[in-house]
Amino acid sequence: LDANDTVMSLPPIINGDRSKITLDTKHVFIECTATDLTKANIVLDTMVTMFSQYCASPYTVEPVDVIYKNADVITNSYTTPALSTRKETAKVDFVNSLIGIELEPRQMLTL
């Protein structure tokens, strides 16, 4: 719930007109629900990154603290999105097949 006790949701699924995104939208809250926290965080990071390219300052996001409480006692908390990185190994031909253009290995290293 937000400060006004309104359920926050990914528009336009719930709250249609109240929460729809327009060209004048300044703040977007992105949430993800799943039974597997690791997978939920991967999906959330992906969605946040995709939306962030349209920010006034591209690729900037504000973190959110998720706090778990039980009878007003904090039992766990974490900050999201994590936007963690990882190293991958892939063959040049495979990468070129995914991106649809032909780059030389040295060109790839500069990206």
Protein backbone atom coordinates (compact mmCIF):
# COMPACT_ATOMS: atom_id res chain seq x y z
CA LEU A 1 0.00 0.00 0.00
CA ASP A 2 1.16 3.55 -0.66
CA ALA A 3 0.92 6.51 1.73
CA ASN A 4 -2.78 6.90 0.86
CA ASP A 5 -3.55 3.22 1.56
CA THR A 6 -4.01 2.62 -2.18
CA VAL A 7 -2.89 -0.68 -3.67
CA MET A 8 0.04 -0.05 -6.02
CA SER A 9 -0.09 -2.02 -9.25
CA LEU A 10 1.40 -2.42 -12.70
CA PRO A 11 -0.98 -0.36 -14.87
CA PRO A 12 -3.31 -0.74 -16.62
CA ILE A 13 -4.15 -4.15 -15.14
CA ILE A 14 -5.55 -2.69 -11.91
CA ASN A 15 -6.72 0.87 -11.18
CA GLY A 16 -6.87 1.64 -14.97
CA ASP A 17 -7.31 5.40 -15.29
CA ARG A 18 -5.86 6.18 -11.87
CA SER A 19 -2.49 4.55 -12.55
CA LYS A 20 -2.05 4.55 -16.32
CA ILE A 21 1.27 5.68 -17.77
CA THR A 22 1.20 8.74 -20.05
CA LEU A 23 3.83 10.96 -21.64
CA ASP A 24 3.51 13.18 -18.56
CA THR A 25 4.22 10.37 -16.06
CA LYS A 26 7.13 11.26 -13.80
CA HIS A 27 7.31 8.35 -11.34
CA VAL A 28 6.79 4.65 -12.03
CA PHE A 29 6.83 1.97 -9.33
CA ILE A 30 7.63 -1.47 -10.75
CA GLU A 31 6.88 -4.56 -8.69
CA CYS A 32 7.14 -8.25 -9.33
CA THR A 33 5.42 -11.14 -7.56
CA ALA A 34 6.74 -14.69 -7.73
CA THR A 35 7.14 -17.83 -5.65
CA ASP A 36 10.93 -17.79 -6.20
CA LEU A 37 12.69 -14.66 -4.89
CA THR A 38 15.76 -15.15 -7.11
CA LYS A 39 13.65 -15.35 -10.26
CA ALA A 40 11.51 -12.42 -9.12
CA ASN A 41 14.62 -10.27 -8.67
CA ILE A 42 15.92 -11.22 -12.12
CA VAL A 43 12.58 -10.24 -13.69
CA LEU A 44 12.43 -7.04 -11.63
CA ASP A 45 16.00 -6.03 -12.57
CA THR A 46 15.18 -6.63 -16.25
CA MET A 47 11.94 -4.61 -16.14
CA VAL A 48 13.52 -1.74 -14.21
CA THR A 49 16.46 -1.59 -16.60
CA MET A 50 14.17 -1.60 -19.65
CA PHE A 51 11.96 1.19 -18.25
CA SER A 52 14.96 3.22 -17.04
CA GLN A 53 16.11 4.01 -20.58
CA TYR A 54 13.16 6.42 -20.76
CA CYS A 55 14.01 8.32 -17.55
CA ALA A 56 14.85 12.04 -17.65
CA SER A 57 18.38 10.87 -16.75
CA PRO A 58 18.54 7.58 -18.67
CA TYR A 59 19.40 4.44 -16.72
CA THR A 60 18.90 5.99 -13.29
CA VAL A 61 16.59 4.36 -10.77
CA GLU A 62 15.66 4.86 -7.14
CA PRO A 63 16.07 1.88 -4.82
CA VAL A 64 13.30 0.66 -2.54
CA ASP A 65 13.76 -0.94 0.87
CA VAL A 66 11.65 -4.07 1.29
CA ILE A 67 10.94 -4.66 4.96
CA TYR A 68 9.39 -7.84 6.34
CA LYS A 69 7.56 -7.44 9.64
CA ASN A 70 5.90 -9.87 11.98
CA ALA A 71 3.86 -8.26 14.78
CA ASP A 72 5.67 -4.94 14.21
CA VAL A 73 9.08 -6.62 14.52
CA ILE A 74 11.36 -6.40 11.48
CA THR A 75 12.30 -9.96 10.56
CA ASN A 76 14.16 -9.28 7.31
CA SER A 77 14.89 -6.49 4.85
CA TYR A 78 16.75 -5.82 1.64
CA THR A 79 17.14 -3.09 -0.98
CA THR A 80 15.90 -3.60 -4.51
CA PRO A 81 16.53 -3.51 -7.43
CA ALA A 82 19.89 -5.19 -6.99
CA LEU A 83 20.98 -4.63 -10.61
CA SER A 84 23.82 -7.04 -10.07
CA THR A 85 26.18 -7.93 -12.87
CA ARG A 86 27.74 -11.20 -13.86
CA LYS A 87 30.40 -12.34 -16.28
CA GLU A 88 29.43 -14.51 -19.21
CA THR A 89 31.53 -16.36 -21.75
CA ALA A 90 30.24 -16.66 -25.29
CA LYS A 91 31.67 -17.33 -28.71
CA VAL A 92 31.85 -14.43 -31.15
CA ASP A 93 29.68 -16.24 -33.71
CA PHE A 94 27.00 -16.88 -31.08
CA VAL A 95 26.93 -13.21 -29.98
CA ASN A 96 26.72 -12.05 -33.60
CA SER A 97 23.81 -14.43 -34.21
CA LEU A 98 21.94 -12.89 -31.25
CA ILE A 99 22.48 -9.23 -32.10
CA GLY A 100 21.93 -9.59 -35.82
CA ILE A 101 25.10 -7.80 -36.96
CA GLU A 102 28.65 -8.92 -37.56
CA LEU A 103 31.24 -7.53 -35.15
CA GLU A 104 34.86 -8.49 -34.87
CA PRO A 105 36.09 -9.64 -31.44
CA ARG A 106 38.09 -6.40 -30.94
CA GLN A 107 34.97 -4.32 -31.65
CA MET A 108 33.03 -6.31 -29.06
CA LEU A 109 35.66 -5.58 -26.44
CA THR A 110 35.08 -1.84 -26.79
CA LEU A 111 31.32 -2.05 -26.12
